[in-house]
């Protein structure tokens, strides 16, 4: 979907979809508002690059609520969700993820298993779970290259980064202004080197 104003995905299921690049299940470019609610993305794959489940480029506001990303894979970058700005657009204003699960997602050769935030001003993650995600580098569950981050009442468990930088979570300190972790749990996460 390209150049839309509002996208609302609710009570939907995306399963066993495959694409060579960008997104196994859903590709979205240049929209003002994206809301995903009560939906599941299961075993979708990008056989070459970007995102196994959902690729978002150039969106202004993103809300993911009560949704689940399970066992999605990408050859490079991220198994679950990839979020970035388009070349001639401003960064994502706000991304809110609430009561959602990212479980068993795999980025085979680069970046993260669950979510890769390439750009953004504010990311808020509340009461969510990141379990058994795996990547070759930059965070088993999440990779963050954004300005402000708030992670509240969220579980990171048994995520694995086989190479460098981050077990459950990787955040690029050169880009971060404020990072708040509150009432969250990091349990049995593993990294290969750092």
N, C-alpha and C. Protein backbone atom coordinates (compact mmCIF):
# COMPACT_ATOMS: atom_id res chain seq x y z
N UNK A 1 0.86 -1.18 0.00
CA UNK A 1 0.00 0.00 0.00
C UNK A 1 0.90 1.23 0.00
N UNK A 2 0.61 2.19 -0.89
CA UNK A 2 1.50 3.34 -1.04
C UNK A 2 0.69 4.64 -1.08
N UNK A 3 1.20 5.66 -0.36
CA UNK A 3 0.63 7.01 -0.35
C UNK A 3 -0.84 7.04 0.07
N UNK A 4 -1.13 6.45 1.21
CA UNK A 4 -2.48 6.49 1.78
C UNK A 4 -2.46 7.39 3.01
N UNK A 5 -3.64 7.83 3.46
CA UNK A 5 -3.69 8.67 4.65
C UNK A 5 -3.83 7.82 5.92
N UNK A 6 -4.83 6.95 5.96
CA UNK A 6 -5.09 6.17 7.16
C UNK A 6 -5.24 4.69 6.80
N UNK A 7 -4.49 3.85 7.51
CA UNK A 7 -4.61 2.39 7.38
C UNK A 7 -4.98 1.83 8.74
N UNK A 8 -6.06 1.06 8.79
CA UNK A 8 -6.52 0.45 10.04
C UNK A 8 -6.67 -1.05 9.80
N UNK A 9 -5.83 -1.84 10.46
CA UNK A 9 -5.88 -3.30 10.35
C UNK A 9 -6.38 -3.86 11.67
N UNK A 10 -7.49 -4.57 11.65
CA UNK A 10 -8.06 -5.10 12.89
C UNK A 10 -8.59 -6.52 12.70
N UNK A 11 -8.41 -7.34 13.72
CA UNK A 11 -8.90 -8.72 13.75
C UNK A 11 -8.56 -9.46 12.45
N UNK A 12 -7.30 -9.32 12.04
CA UNK A 12 -6.85 -9.94 10.79
C UNK A 12 -5.70 -10.90 11.06
N UNK A 13 -5.50 -11.82 10.13
CA UNK A 13 -4.46 -12.83 10.28
C UNK A 13 -3.67 -12.95 8.99
N UNK A 14 -2.34 -12.83 9.09
CA UNK A 14 -1.45 -12.95 7.94
C UNK A 14 -0.53 -14.15 8.22
N UNK A 15 -0.68 -15.20 7.42
CA UNK A 15 0.02 -16.45 7.70
C UNK A 15 0.64 -17.03 6.44
N UNK A 16 1.90 -17.47 6.53
CA UNK A 16 2.61 -18.18 5.46
C UNK A 16 2.71 -17.37 4.16
N UNK A 17 2.88 -16.06 4.29
CA UNK A 17 3.10 -15.22 3.12
C UNK A 17 4.61 -15.06 2.90
N UNK A 18 5.01 -14.96 1.62
CA UNK A 18 6.44 -14.89 1.29
C UNK A 18 6.69 -13.86 0.19
N UNK A 19 7.75 -13.09 0.36
CA UNK A 19 8.22 -12.17 -0.67
C UNK A 19 9.74 -12.19 -0.68
N UNK A 20 10.31 -11.83 -1.82
CA UNK A 20 11.77 -11.82 -1.91
C UNK A 20 12.36 -10.70 -1.06
N UNK A 21 11.76 -9.50 -1.15
CA UNK A 21 12.30 -8.34 -0.44
C UNK A 21 11.19 -7.49 0.15
N UNK A 22 11.58 -6.64 1.07
CA UNK A 22 10.72 -5.66 1.77
C UNK A 22 9.81 -6.30 2.80
N UNK A 23 8.77 -7.03 2.44
CA UNK A 23 7.89 -7.58 3.48
C UNK A 23 7.22 -8.86 3.02
N UNK A 24 7.28 -9.87 3.89
CA UNK A 24 6.61 -11.12 3.57
C UNK A 24 5.10 -10.98 3.55
N UNK A 25 4.54 -10.21 4.52
CA UNK A 25 3.08 -10.10 4.62
C UNK A 25 2.52 -8.76 4.15
N UNK A 26 3.14 -7.63 4.57
CA UNK A 26 2.52 -6.33 4.30
C UNK A 26 3.59 -5.26 4.11
N UNK A 27 3.47 -4.50 3.01
CA UNK A 27 4.38 -3.40 2.71
C UNK A 27 3.58 -2.10 2.73
N UNK A 28 4.06 -1.12 3.49
CA UNK A 28 3.35 0.16 3.60
C UNK A 28 4.34 1.30 3.42
N UNK A 29 3.98 2.25 2.54
CA UNK A 29 4.88 3.37 2.28
C UNK A 29 4.11 4.69 2.26
N UNK A 30 4.62 5.68 3.03
CA UNK A 30 4.14 7.05 3.01
C UNK A 30 2.65 7.17 3.36
N UNK A 31 2.31 6.87 4.60
CA UNK A 31 0.95 7.13 5.05
C UNK A 31 1.00 7.95 6.33
N UNK A 32 -0.12 8.54 6.71
CA UNK A 32 -0.16 9.43 7.87
C UNK A 32 -0.39 8.68 9.18
N UNK A 33 -1.25 7.68 9.15
CA UNK A 33 -1.59 6.97 10.38
C UNK A 33 -1.79 5.49 10.10
N UNK A 34 -1.07 4.65 10.86
CA UNK A 34 -1.24 3.20 10.79
C UNK A 34 -1.65 2.68 12.16
N UNK A 35 -2.74 1.91 12.20
CA UNK A 35 -3.16 1.25 13.43
C UNK A 35 -3.33 -0.25 13.15
N UNK A 36 -2.65 -1.06 13.94
CA UNK A 36 -2.81 -2.52 13.88
C UNK A 36 -3.37 -2.95 15.23
N UNK A 37 -4.53 -3.60 15.21
CA UNK A 37 -5.18 -3.97 16.47
C UNK A 37 -5.74 -5.40 16.37
N UNK A 38 -5.48 -6.19 17.41
CA UNK A 38 -6.03 -7.55 17.50
C UNK A 38 -5.76 -8.37 16.23
N UNK A 39 -4.53 -8.30 15.74
CA UNK A 39 -4.17 -9.03 14.53
C UNK A 39 -2.93 -9.89 14.77
N UNK A 40 -2.74 -10.89 13.92
CA UNK A 40 -1.59 -11.79 14.06
C UNK A 40 -0.85 -11.93 12.74
N UNK A 41 0.48 -12.06 12.85
CA UNK A 41 1.35 -12.26 11.71
C UNK A 41 2.19 -13.50 12.03
N UNK A 42 1.94 -14.61 11.32
CA UNK A 42 2.53 -15.89 11.69
C UNK A 42 3.26 -16.52 10.50
N UNK A 43 4.54 -16.82 10.71
CA UNK A 43 5.36 -17.55 9.75
C UNK A 43 5.38 -16.92 8.36
N UNK A 44 5.49 -15.60 8.33
CA UNK A 44 5.72 -14.90 7.08
C UNK A 44 7.23 -14.75 6.85
N UNK A 45 7.63 -14.59 5.59
CA UNK A 45 9.07 -14.58 5.31
C UNK A 45 9.44 -13.63 4.19
N UNK A 46 10.58 -12.94 4.37
CA UNK A 46 11.25 -12.20 3.30
C UNK A 46 12.51 -12.99 2.98
N UNK A 47 12.55 -13.61 1.82
CA UNK A 47 13.63 -14.55 1.52
C UNK A 47 14.95 -13.86 1.21
N UNK A 48 14.92 -12.54 0.91
CA UNK A 48 16.16 -11.82 0.64
C UNK A 48 16.47 -10.77 1.71
N UNK A 49 15.55 -9.79 1.93
CA UNK A 49 15.89 -8.72 2.85
C UNK A 49 14.67 -7.99 3.40
N UNK A 50 14.92 -7.14 4.37
CA UNK A 50 14.01 -6.22 5.04
C UNK A 50 13.20 -6.92 6.13
N UNK A 51 11.88 -7.13 5.97
CA UNK A 51 11.05 -7.60 7.09
C UNK A 51 10.27 -8.86 6.73
N UNK A 52 10.30 -9.82 7.63
CA UNK A 52 9.53 -11.02 7.41
C UNK A 52 8.03 -10.77 7.42
N UNK A 53 7.56 -9.92 8.35
CA UNK A 53 6.13 -9.68 8.48
C UNK A 53 5.68 -8.34 7.90
N UNK A 54 6.22 -7.21 8.41
CA UNK A 54 5.66 -5.90 8.07
C UNK A 54 6.78 -4.89 7.84
N UNK A 55 6.75 -4.22 6.69
CA UNK A 55 7.72 -3.18 6.36
C UNK A 55 6.99 -1.85 6.28
N UNK A 56 7.43 -0.85 7.07
CA UNK A 56 6.77 0.45 7.13
C UNK A 56 7.80 1.52 6.80
N UNK A 57 7.53 2.31 5.75
CA UNK A 57 8.45 3.35 5.33
C UNK A 57 7.71 4.68 5.14
N UNK A 58 8.13 5.70 5.85
CA UNK A 58 7.57 7.02 5.66
C UNK A 58 6.22 7.26 6.29
N UNK A 59 5.89 6.52 7.35
CA UNK A 59 4.63 6.75 8.07
C UNK A 59 4.84 7.79 9.17
N UNK A 60 3.78 8.50 9.53
CA UNK A 60 3.89 9.56 10.54
C UNK A 60 3.62 9.05 11.95
N UNK A 61 2.51 8.33 12.12
CA UNK A 61 2.14 7.79 13.44
C UNK A 61 1.79 6.32 13.29
N UNK A 62 2.30 5.50 14.23
CA UNK A 62 2.09 4.05 14.17
C UNK A 62 1.62 3.55 15.53
N UNK A 63 0.52 2.79 15.53
CA UNK A 63 -0.01 2.21 16.76
C UNK A 63 -0.19 0.71 16.53
N UNK A 64 0.46 -0.11 17.36
CA UNK A 64 0.31 -1.57 17.31
C UNK A 64 -0.20 -2.02 18.66
N UNK A 65 -1.43 -2.57 18.68
CA UNK A 65 -2.08 -2.89 19.96
C UNK A 65 -2.72 -4.27 19.93
N UNK A 66 -2.49 -5.03 21.00
CA UNK A 66 -3.05 -6.37 21.14
C UNK A 66 -2.83 -7.22 19.88
N UNK A 67 -1.63 -7.13 19.34
CA UNK A 67 -1.31 -7.89 18.13
C UNK A 67 -0.07 -8.75 18.36
N UNK A 68 0.08 -9.79 17.54
CA UNK A 68 1.13 -10.77 17.78
C UNK A 68 1.89 -11.10 16.50
N UNK A 69 3.21 -11.11 16.63
CA UNK A 69 4.11 -11.41 15.52
C UNK A 69 4.89 -12.66 15.91
N UNK A 70 4.58 -13.77 15.24
CA UNK A 70 5.07 -15.08 15.68
C UNK A 70 5.80 -15.81 14.56
N UNK A 71 7.07 -16.13 14.81
CA UNK A 71 7.86 -17.00 13.94
C UNK A 71 7.97 -16.48 12.50
N UNK A 72 8.15 -15.18 12.35
CA UNK A 72 8.42 -14.59 11.05
C UNK A 72 9.93 -14.53 10.82
N UNK A 73 10.35 -14.59 9.55
CA UNK A 73 11.79 -14.64 9.27
C UNK A 73 12.17 -13.72 8.10
N UNK A 74 13.40 -13.23 8.15
CA UNK A 74 13.97 -12.47 7.03
C UNK A 74 15.43 -12.89 6.87
N UNK A 75 15.87 -12.96 5.63
CA UNK A 75 17.25 -13.35 5.38
C UNK A 75 18.21 -12.29 5.93
N UNK A 76 17.90 -11.00 5.71
CA UNK A 76 18.66 -9.91 6.32
C UNK A 76 17.71 -8.91 6.96
N UNK A 77 18.21 -8.13 7.86
CA UNK A 77 17.48 -7.14 8.65
C UNK A 77 16.59 -7.81 9.70
N UNK A 78 15.27 -7.79 9.60
CA UNK A 78 14.45 -8.12 10.77
C UNK A 78 13.34 -9.13 10.45
N UNK A 79 13.17 -10.06 11.38
CA UNK A 79 12.13 -11.06 11.19
C UNK A 79 10.72 -10.51 11.30
N UNK A 80 10.49 -9.59 12.25
CA UNK A 80 9.14 -9.09 12.50
C UNK A 80 8.78 -7.83 11.74
N UNK A 81 9.12 -6.64 12.30
CA UNK A 81 8.68 -5.36 11.76
C UNK A 81 9.87 -4.43 11.55
N UNK A 82 9.92 -3.79 10.40
CA UNK A 82 10.97 -2.82 10.05
C UNK A 82 10.29 -1.47 9.87
N UNK A 83 10.72 -0.45 10.64
CA UNK A 83 10.13 0.88 10.58
C UNK A 83 11.23 1.90 10.24
N UNK A 84 11.02 2.70 9.19
CA UNK A 84 11.99 3.72 8.82
C UNK A 84 11.28 4.86 8.10
N UNK A 85 11.98 5.98 7.98
CA UNK A 85 11.44 7.10 7.21
C UNK A 85 11.82 6.95 5.74
N UNK A 86 11.01 7.55 4.87
CA UNK A 86 11.37 7.59 3.46
C UNK A 86 12.44 8.66 3.26
N UNK A 87 13.11 8.64 2.13
CA UNK A 87 14.24 9.54 1.89
C UNK A 87 13.88 11.01 2.00
N UNK A 88 12.71 11.39 1.53
CA UNK A 88 12.33 12.80 1.51
C UNK A 88 11.23 13.13 2.51
N UNK A 89 11.12 12.33 3.60
CA UNK A 89 10.12 12.60 4.62
C UNK A 89 10.77 12.80 5.98
N UNK A 90 10.00 13.34 6.91
CA UNK A 90 10.49 13.48 8.29
C UNK A 90 10.44 12.13 9.00
N UNK A 91 11.16 11.98 10.12
CA UNK A 91 11.09 10.73 10.88
C UNK A 91 9.68 10.47 11.41
N UNK A 92 9.43 9.22 11.74
CA UNK A 92 8.16 8.84 12.36
C UNK A 92 7.99 9.64 13.65
N UNK A 93 6.85 10.32 13.80
CA UNK A 93 6.61 11.16 14.98
C UNK A 93 6.50 10.31 16.24
N UNK A 94 5.65 9.28 16.20
CA UNK A 94 5.43 8.45 17.38
C UNK A 94 5.07 7.03 16.96
N UNK A 95 5.64 6.07 17.67
CA UNK A 95 5.24 4.67 17.53
C UNK A 95 4.88 4.16 18.91
N UNK A 96 3.67 3.62 19.05
CA UNK A 96 3.24 3.06 20.33
C UNK A 96 2.89 1.59 20.13
N UNK A 97 3.52 0.74 20.92
CA UNK A 97 3.24 -0.70 20.89
C UNK A 97 2.72 -1.09 22.27
N UNK A 98 1.52 -1.63 22.31
CA UNK A 98 0.88 -1.92 23.58
C UNK A 98 0.26 -3.32 23.58
N UNK A 99 0.56 -4.09 24.64
CA UNK A 99 -0.03 -5.41 24.85
C UNK A 99 0.10 -6.29 23.62
N UNK A 100 1.31 -6.31 23.08
CA UNK A 100 1.59 -7.12 21.89
C UNK A 100 2.74 -8.07 22.16
N UNK A 101 2.80 -9.15 21.37
CA UNK A 101 3.81 -10.18 21.57
C UNK A 101 4.64 -10.37 20.30
N UNK A 102 5.95 -10.46 20.49
CA UNK A 102 6.88 -10.77 19.41
C UNK A 102 7.63 -12.03 19.85
N UNK A 103 7.29 -13.15 19.23
CA UNK A 103 7.79 -14.44 19.71
C UNK A 103 8.37 -15.25 18.55
N UNK A 104 9.60 -15.69 18.72
CA UNK A 104 10.22 -16.60 17.76
C UNK A 104 10.51 -16.03 16.40
N UNK A 105 10.70 -14.73 16.31
CA UNK A 105 11.04 -14.10 15.02
C UNK A 105 12.55 -14.16 14.79
N UNK A 106 12.94 -14.22 13.52
CA UNK A 106 14.34 -14.46 13.19
C UNK A 106 14.85 -13.54 12.09
N UNK A 107 15.92 -12.80 12.40
CA UNK A 107 16.69 -12.08 11.39
C UNK A 107 17.96 -12.88 11.15
N UNK A 108 18.04 -13.58 10.04
CA UNK A 108 19.06 -14.60 9.86
C UNK A 108 20.49 -14.07 9.82
N UNK A 109 20.73 -12.99 9.06
CA UNK A 109 22.12 -12.58 8.86
C UNK A 109 22.44 -11.16 9.31
N UNK A 110 21.44 -10.40 9.80
CA UNK A 110 21.74 -9.03 10.18
C UNK A 110 20.62 -8.46 11.05
N UNK A 111 20.94 -7.49 11.83
CA UNK A 111 20.02 -6.73 12.67
C UNK A 111 19.20 -7.61 13.60
N UNK A 112 17.90 -7.39 13.76
CA UNK A 112 17.21 -7.92 14.92
C UNK A 112 16.10 -8.91 14.57
N UNK A 113 15.64 -9.61 15.59
CA UNK A 113 14.58 -10.58 15.36
C UNK A 113 13.19 -10.00 15.35
N UNK A 114 12.88 -9.12 16.34
CA UNK A 114 11.51 -8.63 16.52
C UNK A 114 11.17 -7.37 15.76
N UNK A 115 11.76 -6.22 16.17
CA UNK A 115 11.47 -4.93 15.54
C UNK A 115 12.76 -4.14 15.33
N UNK A 116 12.86 -3.54 14.15
CA UNK A 116 13.98 -2.63 13.87
C UNK A 116 13.41 -1.24 13.63
N UNK A 117 13.71 -0.31 14.56
CA UNK A 117 13.32 1.09 14.42
C UNK A 117 14.50 1.84 13.81
N UNK A 118 14.47 2.04 12.51
CA UNK A 118 15.57 2.72 11.84
C UNK A 118 15.55 4.22 12.09
N UNK A 119 14.34 4.79 12.22
CA UNK A 119 14.19 6.23 12.45
C UNK A 119 12.99 6.46 13.37
N UNK A 120 12.95 7.62 14.01
CA UNK A 120 11.77 7.98 14.81
C UNK A 120 12.11 8.98 15.89
N UNK A 121 11.08 9.70 16.33
CA UNK A 121 11.25 10.68 17.40
C UNK A 121 10.90 10.09 18.76
N UNK A 122 9.84 9.27 18.83
CA UNK A 122 9.42 8.68 20.10
C UNK A 122 8.89 7.27 19.88
N UNK A 123 9.43 6.32 20.64
CA UNK A 123 8.93 4.95 20.66
C UNK A 123 8.50 4.62 22.08
N UNK A 124 7.25 4.14 22.24
CA UNK A 124 6.72 3.74 23.53
C UNK A 124 6.25 2.29 23.43
N UNK A 125 6.79 1.44 24.31
CA UNK A 125 6.39 0.03 24.34
C UNK A 125 5.86 -0.27 25.74
N UNK A 126 4.61 -0.74 25.80
CA UNK A 126 3.93 -0.92 27.09
C UNK A 126 3.36 -2.33 27.19
N UNK A 127 3.64 -3.00 28.30
CA UNK A 127 3.00 -4.27 28.65
C UNK A 127 3.04 -5.27 27.49
N UNK A 128 4.22 -5.45 26.93
CA UNK A 128 4.39 -6.36 25.79
C UNK A 128 5.42 -7.43 26.11
N UNK A 129 5.55 -8.42 25.21
CA UNK A 129 6.47 -9.53 25.44
C UNK A 129 7.32 -9.78 24.20
N UNK A 130 8.63 -9.94 24.44
CA UNK A 130 9.58 -10.30 23.39
C UNK A 130 10.29 -11.57 23.85
N UNK A 131 9.96 -12.69 23.22
CA UNK A 131 10.43 -13.99 23.69
C UNK A 131 10.97 -14.81 22.53
N UNK A 132 12.15 -15.40 22.75
CA UNK A 132 12.75 -16.33 21.78
C UNK A 132 12.96 -15.74 20.39
N UNK A 133 13.23 -14.46 20.32
CA UNK A 133 13.61 -13.86 19.04
C UNK A 133 15.11 -14.01 18.85
N UNK A 134 15.54 -14.03 17.59
CA UNK A 134 16.96 -14.30 17.33
C UNK A 134 17.45 -13.49 16.15
N UNK A 135 18.68 -13.00 16.26
CA UNK A 135 19.29 -12.24 15.17
C UNK A 135 20.79 -12.45 15.16
N UNK A 136 21.40 -12.10 14.01
CA UNK A 136 22.85 -12.24 13.90
C UNK A 136 23.58 -11.08 14.56
N UNK A 137 22.94 -9.90 14.65
CA UNK A 137 23.59 -8.75 15.28
C UNK A 137 22.55 -7.70 15.67
N UNK A 138 22.97 -6.73 16.47
CA UNK A 138 22.16 -5.57 16.86
C UNK A 138 20.83 -5.92 17.53
N UNK A 139 20.89 -6.75 18.54
CA UNK A 139 19.72 -7.01 19.38
C UNK A 139 18.90 -8.20 18.95
N UNK A 140 18.75 -9.15 19.85
CA UNK A 140 17.94 -10.32 19.54
C UNK A 140 16.48 -9.99 19.32
N UNK A 141 15.94 -9.03 20.10
CA UNK A 141 14.52 -8.69 20.03
C UNK A 141 14.25 -7.35 19.37
N UNK A 142 14.98 -6.28 19.76
CA UNK A 142 14.72 -4.93 19.27
C UNK A 142 16.03 -4.21 18.96
N UNK A 143 16.02 -3.46 17.85
CA UNK A 143 17.11 -2.55 17.54
C UNK A 143 16.52 -1.15 17.40
N UNK A 144 17.09 -0.18 18.14
CA UNK A 144 16.53 1.16 18.21
C UNK A 144 17.53 2.22 17.75
N UNK A 145 17.14 2.98 16.74
CA UNK A 145 17.92 4.14 16.28
C UNK A 145 16.98 5.34 16.26
N UNK A 146 16.47 5.70 17.42
CA UNK A 146 15.44 6.75 17.55
C UNK A 146 15.86 7.75 18.62
N UNK A 147 15.09 8.85 18.73
CA UNK A 147 15.46 9.92 19.66
C UNK A 147 15.09 9.59 21.10
N UNK A 148 13.81 9.32 21.37
CA UNK A 148 13.35 9.05 22.74
C UNK A 148 12.65 7.69 22.81
N UNK A 149 12.92 6.97 23.91
CA UNK A 149 12.40 5.61 24.07
C UNK A 149 11.82 5.45 25.47
N UNK A 150 10.64 4.87 25.54
CA UNK A 150 10.04 4.51 26.83
C UNK A 150 9.58 3.05 26.75
N UNK A 151 10.10 2.22 27.62
CA UNK A 151 9.71 0.81 27.67
C UNK A 151 9.19 0.52 29.07
N UNK A 152 7.92 0.14 29.15
CA UNK A 152 7.22 0.04 30.44
C UNK A 152 6.55 -1.33 30.56
N UNK A 153 6.77 -2.02 31.68
CA UNK A 153 6.12 -3.29 31.99
C UNK A 153 6.21 -4.29 30.83
N UNK A 154 7.42 -4.45 30.33
CA UNK A 154 7.64 -5.31 29.17
C UNK A 154 8.66 -6.40 29.49
N UNK A 155 8.43 -7.58 28.95
CA UNK A 155 9.27 -8.75 29.19
C UNK A 155 10.15 -9.04 27.98
N UNK A 156 11.46 -9.20 28.24
CA UNK A 156 12.42 -9.66 27.25
C UNK A 156 13.01 -10.97 27.77
N UNK A 157 12.67 -12.08 27.15
CA UNK A 157 13.10 -13.38 27.67
C UNK A 157 13.61 -14.29 26.56
N UNK A 158 14.77 -14.89 26.80
CA UNK A 158 15.35 -15.91 25.93
C UNK A 158 15.56 -15.42 24.49
N UNK A 159 15.86 -14.14 24.34
CA UNK A 159 16.24 -13.61 23.03
C UNK A 159 17.73 -13.81 22.82
N UNK A 160 18.13 -13.99 21.57
CA UNK A 160 19.52 -14.31 21.27
C UNK A 160 20.07 -13.45 20.14
N UNK A 161 21.25 -12.90 20.37
CA UNK A 161 22.01 -12.22 19.32
C UNK A 161 23.31 -13.01 19.16
N UNK A 162 23.47 -13.69 18.04
CA UNK A 162 24.61 -14.59 17.88
C UNK A 162 25.92 -13.86 17.62
N UNK A 163 25.84 -12.58 17.18
CA UNK A 163 27.04 -11.81 16.90
C UNK A 163 27.24 -10.68 17.89
N UNK A 164 27.39 -9.47 17.38
CA UNK A 164 27.69 -8.30 18.20
C UNK A 164 26.45 -7.51 18.61
N UNK A 165 26.57 -6.83 19.74
CA UNK A 165 25.68 -5.74 20.16
C UNK A 165 24.27 -6.17 20.56
N UNK A 166 24.12 -6.45 21.82
CA UNK A 166 22.78 -6.56 22.40
C UNK A 166 22.22 -7.96 22.44
N UNK A 167 21.68 -8.32 23.58
CA UNK A 167 21.02 -9.62 23.73
C UNK A 167 19.54 -9.47 23.41
N UNK A 168 18.80 -8.82 24.30
CA UNK A 168 17.39 -8.56 24.03
C UNK A 168 17.18 -7.26 23.30
N UNK A 169 18.00 -6.25 23.61
CA UNK A 169 17.76 -4.90 23.09
C UNK A 169 19.08 -4.23 22.71
N UNK A 170 19.07 -3.58 21.54
CA UNK A 170 20.20 -2.74 21.13
C UNK A 170 19.68 -1.33 20.89
N UNK A 171 20.35 -0.34 21.45
CA UNK A 171 19.99 1.06 21.23
C UNK A 171 21.24 1.83 20.84
N UNK A 172 21.14 2.61 19.77
CA UNK A 172 22.27 3.40 19.28
C UNK A 172 22.36 4.68 20.10
N UNK A 173 23.33 4.75 21.01
CA UNK A 173 23.48 5.89 21.91
C UNK A 173 23.80 7.20 21.22
N UNK A 174 24.28 7.15 19.97
CA UNK A 174 24.59 8.37 19.23
C UNK A 174 23.32 9.11 18.81
N UNK A 175 22.20 8.42 18.79
CA UNK A 175 20.95 9.03 18.31
C UNK A 175 19.93 9.26 19.43
N UNK A 176 20.13 8.63 20.58
CA UNK A 176 19.13 8.69 21.65
C UNK A 176 19.26 9.95 22.48
N UNK A 177 18.10 10.58 22.77
CA UNK A 177 18.06 11.70 23.69
C UNK A 177 17.72 11.22 25.10
N UNK A 178 16.56 10.58 25.24
CA UNK A 178 16.10 10.05 26.52
C UNK A 178 15.67 8.60 26.34
N UNK A 179 16.11 7.74 27.28
CA UNK A 179 15.68 6.35 27.29
C UNK A 179 15.21 6.00 28.69
N UNK A 180 13.95 5.54 28.79
CA UNK A 180 13.36 5.17 30.08
C UNK A 180 12.95 3.71 30.04
N UNK A 181 13.48 2.92 30.98
CA UNK A 181 13.05 1.54 31.20
C UNK A 181 12.39 1.47 32.56
N UNK A 182 11.13 1.03 32.61
CA UNK A 182 10.39 1.02 33.86
C UNK A 182 9.63 -0.27 34.05
N UNK A 183 9.83 -0.92 35.21
CA UNK A 183 9.08 -2.13 35.58
C UNK A 183 9.12 -3.20 34.49
N UNK A 184 10.27 -3.33 33.84
CA UNK A 184 10.44 -4.33 32.79
C UNK A 184 11.39 -5.43 33.25
N UNK A 185 11.31 -6.57 32.58
CA UNK A 185 12.11 -7.74 32.98
C UNK A 185 12.94 -8.22 31.79
N UNK A 186 14.25 -8.43 32.02
CA UNK A 186 15.15 -9.02 31.05
C UNK A 186 15.63 -10.34 31.64
N UNK A 187 15.29 -11.44 30.98
CA UNK A 187 15.50 -12.76 31.57
C UNK A 187 16.07 -13.75 30.55
N UNK A 188 17.24 -14.32 30.86
CA UNK A 188 17.85 -15.37 30.04
C UNK A 188 18.06 -14.97 28.58
N UNK A 189 18.46 -13.73 28.34
CA UNK A 189 18.84 -13.30 27.00
C UNK A 189 20.33 -13.59 26.78
N UNK A 190 20.72 -13.85 25.54
CA UNK A 190 22.10 -14.25 25.26
C UNK A 190 22.68 -13.49 24.07
N UNK A 191 23.98 -13.21 24.15
CA UNK A 191 24.69 -12.58 23.04
C UNK A 191 25.98 -13.33 22.75
N UNK A 192 26.38 -13.32 21.48
CA UNK A 192 27.60 -14.02 21.10
C UNK A 192 28.84 -13.32 21.60
N UNK A 193 28.93 -11.97 21.46
CA UNK A 193 30.15 -11.27 21.82
C UNK A 193 29.93 -10.09 22.75
N UNK A 194 29.02 -9.14 22.43
CA UNK A 194 28.88 -7.94 23.25
C UNK A 194 27.45 -7.75 23.70
